[in-house]
Amino acid sequence: MKKLEELTSMNMIEDYLSNHELSFLYVSREDCGVCHAVLPKLRELLDKFPLIHLGHINAYDVEEVAAKFSIFTVPVLLLFIDGKEVLREARFVHFDELEKRLEKIHKMYNQQ
């Protein structure tokens, strides 16, 4: 299962995004049932994409994350390339579609 890095401050999040070319942020809350169901599926999916790093943010611990990334619900999945958001999924994730989109992005970076 994909390694998950816990990000507990805005500084950690900003460092994470600047240190990884392809970075995925998973924003959740511990009292969110959907969040608990989506995370294992996401980690399993991201195993197929070794270039993508996965960071986790508990929205209760880092409240500023909601304003910074315009988050209105959880879970939120955000993919960044070179610090720019390129993909966003929220609440109910369609994993088949997400996988196709990630395959295109990963293929592009694998060719470099």
C-alpha atoms as a PDB file:
ATOM      1  CA  MET A   1       0.000   0.000   0.000  1.00  0.00           C
ATOM      2  CA  LYS A   2       1.262   3.485  -0.908  1.00  0.00           C
ATOM      3  CA  LYS A   3       3.282   5.217   1.801  1.00  0.00           C
ATOM      4  CA  LEU A   4       1.319   8.005   3.449  1.00  0.00           C
ATOM      5  CA  GLU A   5       3.048  11.085   4.845  1.00  0.00           C
ATOM      6  CA  GLU A   6       1.186  12.944   7.603  1.00  0.00           C
ATOM      7  CA  LEU A   7       1.238  16.713   7.088  1.00  0.00           C
ATOM      8  CA  THR A   8       0.348  18.603  10.249  1.00  0.00           C
ATOM      9  CA  SER A   9       0.958  22.264   9.374  1.00  0.00           C
ATOM     10  CA  MET A  10       0.730  24.646   6.426  1.00  0.00           C
ATOM     11  CA  ASN A  11       4.538  24.862   6.399  1.00  0.00           C
ATOM     12  CA  MET A  12       4.762  21.078   6.055  1.00  0.00           C
ATOM     13  CA  ILE A  13       2.198  21.133   3.240  1.00  0.00           C
ATOM     14  CA  GLU A  14       4.025  23.868   1.343  1.00  0.00           C
ATOM     15  CA  ASP A  15       7.369  22.072   1.777  1.00  0.00           C
ATOM     16  CA  TYR A  16       5.787  18.814   0.639  1.00  0.00           C
ATOM     17  CA  LEU A  17       4.412  20.408  -2.523  1.00  0.00           C
ATOM     18  CA  SER A  18       7.704  22.095  -3.363  1.00  0.00           C
ATOM     19  CA  ASN A  19       9.790  18.955  -2.692  1.00  0.00           C
ATOM     20  CA  HIS A  20       7.785  16.585  -4.904  1.00  0.00           C
ATOM     21  CA  GLU A  21       7.160  17.049  -8.602  1.00  0.00           C
ATOM     22  CA  LEU A  22       3.996  14.942  -8.425  1.00  0.00           C
ATOM     23  CA  SER A  23       2.232  15.224  -5.099  1.00  0.00           C
ATOM     24  CA  PHE A  24      -1.208  14.062  -4.057  1.00  0.00           C
ATOM     25  CA  LEU A  25      -2.870  15.586  -1.011  1.00  0.00           C
ATOM     26  CA  TYR A  26      -5.645  13.713   0.739  1.00  0.00           C
ATOM     27  CA  VAL A  27      -7.662  15.961   3.055  1.00  0.00           C
ATOM     28  CA  SER A  28     -10.000  14.274   5.521  1.00  0.00           C
ATOM     29  CA  ARG A  29     -11.451  14.371   9.009  1.00  0.00           C
ATOM     30  CA  GLU A  30     -11.391  11.554  11.538  1.00  0.00           C
ATOM     31  CA  ASP A  31     -15.190  11.628  11.986  1.00  0.00           C
ATOM     32  CA  CYS A  32     -15.862  11.186   8.248  1.00  0.00           C
ATOM     33  CA  GLY A  33     -17.014   7.708   7.251  1.00  0.00           C
ATOM     34  CA  VAL A  34     -16.540   8.346   3.537  1.00  0.00           C
ATOM     35  CA  CYS A  35     -12.968   9.476   4.262  1.00  0.00           C
ATOM     36  CA  HIS A  36     -12.186   6.180   5.976  1.00  0.00           C
ATOM     37  CA  ALA A  37     -13.608   4.222   3.034  1.00  0.00           C
ATOM     38  CA  VAL A  38     -11.809   6.214   0.316  1.00  0.00           C
ATOM     39  CA  LEU A  39      -8.286   6.293   1.771  1.00  0.00           C
ATOM     40  CA  PRO A  40      -7.443   2.556   1.433  1.00  0.00           C
ATOM     41  CA  LYS A  41      -8.748   2.553  -2.148  1.00  0.00           C
ATOM     42  CA  LEU A  42      -6.677   5.632  -2.955  1.00  0.00           C
ATOM     43  CA  ARG A  43      -3.518   4.129  -1.448  1.00  0.00           C
ATOM     44  CA  GLU A  44      -4.059   0.940  -3.414  1.00  0.00           C
ATOM     45  CA  LEU A  45      -4.617   2.883  -6.646  1.00  0.00           C
ATOM     46  CA  LEU A  46      -1.522   5.031  -6.114  1.00  0.00           C
ATOM     47  CA  ASP A  47       0.620   1.889  -5.777  1.00  0.00           C
ATOM     48  CA  LYS A  48       0.383   1.767  -9.579  1.00  0.00           C
ATOM     49  CA  PHE A  49       1.978   5.219  -9.855  1.00  0.00           C
ATOM     50  CA  PRO A  50       5.364   5.239  -8.114  1.00  0.00           C
ATOM     51  CA  LEU A  51       6.188   8.816  -9.165  1.00  0.00           C
ATOM     52  CA  ILE A  52       3.210  10.219  -7.233  1.00  0.00           C
ATOM     53  CA  HIS A  53       3.776  10.956  -3.534  1.00  0.00           C
ATOM     54  CA  LEU A  54       0.844  10.887  -1.096  1.00  0.00           C
ATOM     55  CA  GLY A  55       0.387  13.304   1.775  1.00  0.00           C
ATOM     56  CA  HIS A  56      -2.470  13.222   4.287  1.00  0.00           C
ATOM     57  CA  ILE A  57      -3.963  16.229   6.055  1.00  0.00           C
ATOM     58  CA  ASN A  58      -6.466  16.068   8.895  1.00  0.00           C
ATOM     59  CA  ALA A  59      -8.630  19.143   8.319  1.00  0.00           C
ATOM     60  CA  TYR A  60      -9.217  19.460  12.072  1.00  0.00           C
ATOM     61  CA  ASP A  61      -5.469  19.690  12.735  1.00  0.00           C
ATOM     62  CA  VAL A  62      -4.726  22.120   9.897  1.00  0.00           C
ATOM     63  CA  GLU A  63      -7.817  24.295   9.689  1.00  0.00           C
ATOM     64  CA  GLU A  64      -6.126  26.771   7.305  1.00  0.00           C
ATOM     65  CA  VAL A  65      -6.060  24.086   4.602  1.00  0.00           C
ATOM     66  CA  ALA A  66      -9.744  24.721   3.833  1.00  0.00           C
ATOM     67  CA  ALA A  67      -9.161  28.375   2.990  1.00  0.00           C
ATOM     68  CA  LYS A  68      -5.844  27.805   1.210  1.00  0.00           C
ATOM     69  CA  PHE A  69      -7.265  25.220  -1.206  1.00  0.00           C
ATOM     70  CA  SER A  70     -10.975  26.242  -1.231  1.00  0.00           C
ATOM     71  CA  ILE A  71     -12.152  23.042   0.423  1.00  0.00           C
ATOM     72  CA  PHE A  72     -15.829  22.854   1.334  1.00  0.00           C
ATOM     73  CA  THR A  73     -16.256  19.141   2.001  1.00  0.00           C
ATOM     74  CA  VAL A  74     -14.152  16.084   2.784  1.00  0.00           C
ATOM     75  CA  PRO A  75     -12.606  13.931   1.579  1.00  0.00           C
ATOM     76  CA  VAL A  76     -10.765  15.975  -1.021  1.00  0.00           C
ATOM     77  CA  LEU A  77      -8.097  14.544  -3.286  1.00  0.00           C
ATOM     78  CA  LEU A  78      -5.765  17.092  -4.869  1.00  0.00           C
ATOM     79  CA  LEU A  79      -3.010  16.298  -7.350  1.00  0.00           C
ATOM     80  CA  PHE A  80      -0.249  18.850  -7.834  1.00  0.00           C
ATOM     81  CA  ILE A  81       2.393  18.993 -10.545  1.00  0.00           C
ATOM     82  CA  ASP A  82       5.274  21.280  -9.672  1.00  0.00           C
ATOM     83  CA  GLY A  83       3.133  22.885  -6.962  1.00  0.00           C
ATOM     84  CA  LYS A  84       0.143  23.613  -9.244  1.00  0.00           C
ATOM     85  CA  GLU A  85      -3.188  21.895  -8.735  1.00  0.00           C
ATOM     86  CA  VAL A  86      -4.117  19.846 -11.805  1.00  0.00           C
ATOM     87  CA  LEU A  87      -6.757  17.456 -10.488  1.00  0.00           C
ATOM     88  CA  ARG A  88      -9.427  17.630  -7.795  1.00  0.00           C
ATOM     89  CA  GLU A  89     -11.905  15.033  -6.589  1.00  0.00           C
ATOM     90  CA  ALA A  90     -14.219  15.600  -3.659  1.00  0.00           C
ATOM     91  CA  ARG A  91     -16.593  13.565  -1.507  1.00  0.00           C
ATOM     92  CA  PHE A  92     -17.541  10.693  -3.839  1.00  0.00           C
ATOM     93  CA  VAL A  93     -14.619   9.541  -5.957  1.00  0.00           C
ATOM     94  CA  HIS A  94     -15.026   7.668  -9.242  1.00  0.00           C
ATOM     95  CA  PHE A  95     -11.900   5.539  -9.080  1.00  0.00           C
ATOM     96  CA  ASP A  96     -12.102   4.236 -12.666  1.00  0.00           C
ATOM     97  CA  GLU A  97     -12.077   7.786 -14.041  1.00  0.00           C
ATOM     98  CA  LEU A  98      -9.413   8.868 -11.564  1.00  0.00           C
ATOM     99  CA  GLU A  99      -7.179   5.973 -12.603  1.00  0.00           C
ATOM    100  CA  LYS A 100      -7.453   6.915 -16.299  1.00  0.00           C
ATOM    101  CA  ARG A 101      -6.538  10.518 -15.571  1.00  0.00           C
ATOM    102  CA  LEU A 102      -3.606   9.477 -13.389  1.00  0.00           C
ATOM    103  CA  GLU A 103      -2.361   7.070 -16.072  1.00  0.00           C
ATOM    104  CA  LYS A 104      -2.134   9.937 -18.586  1.00  0.00           C
ATOM    105  CA  ILE A 105      -0.272  12.175 -16.167  1.00  0.00           C
ATOM    106  CA  HIS A 106       2.059   9.427 -14.966  1.00  0.00           C
ATOM    107  CA  LYS A 107       2.827   8.336 -18.531  1.00  0.00           C
ATOM    108  CA  MET A 108       3.761  11.891 -19.454  1.00  0.00           C
ATOM    109  CA  TYR A 109       6.229  12.107 -16.552  1.00  0.00           C
ATOM    110  CA  ASN A 110       7.612   8.614 -17.118  1.00  0.00           C
ATOM    111  CA  GLN A 111       8.712   9.621 -20.634  1.00  0.00           C
ATOM    112  CA  GLN A 112      10.965  12.437 -19.391  1.00  0.00           C
END
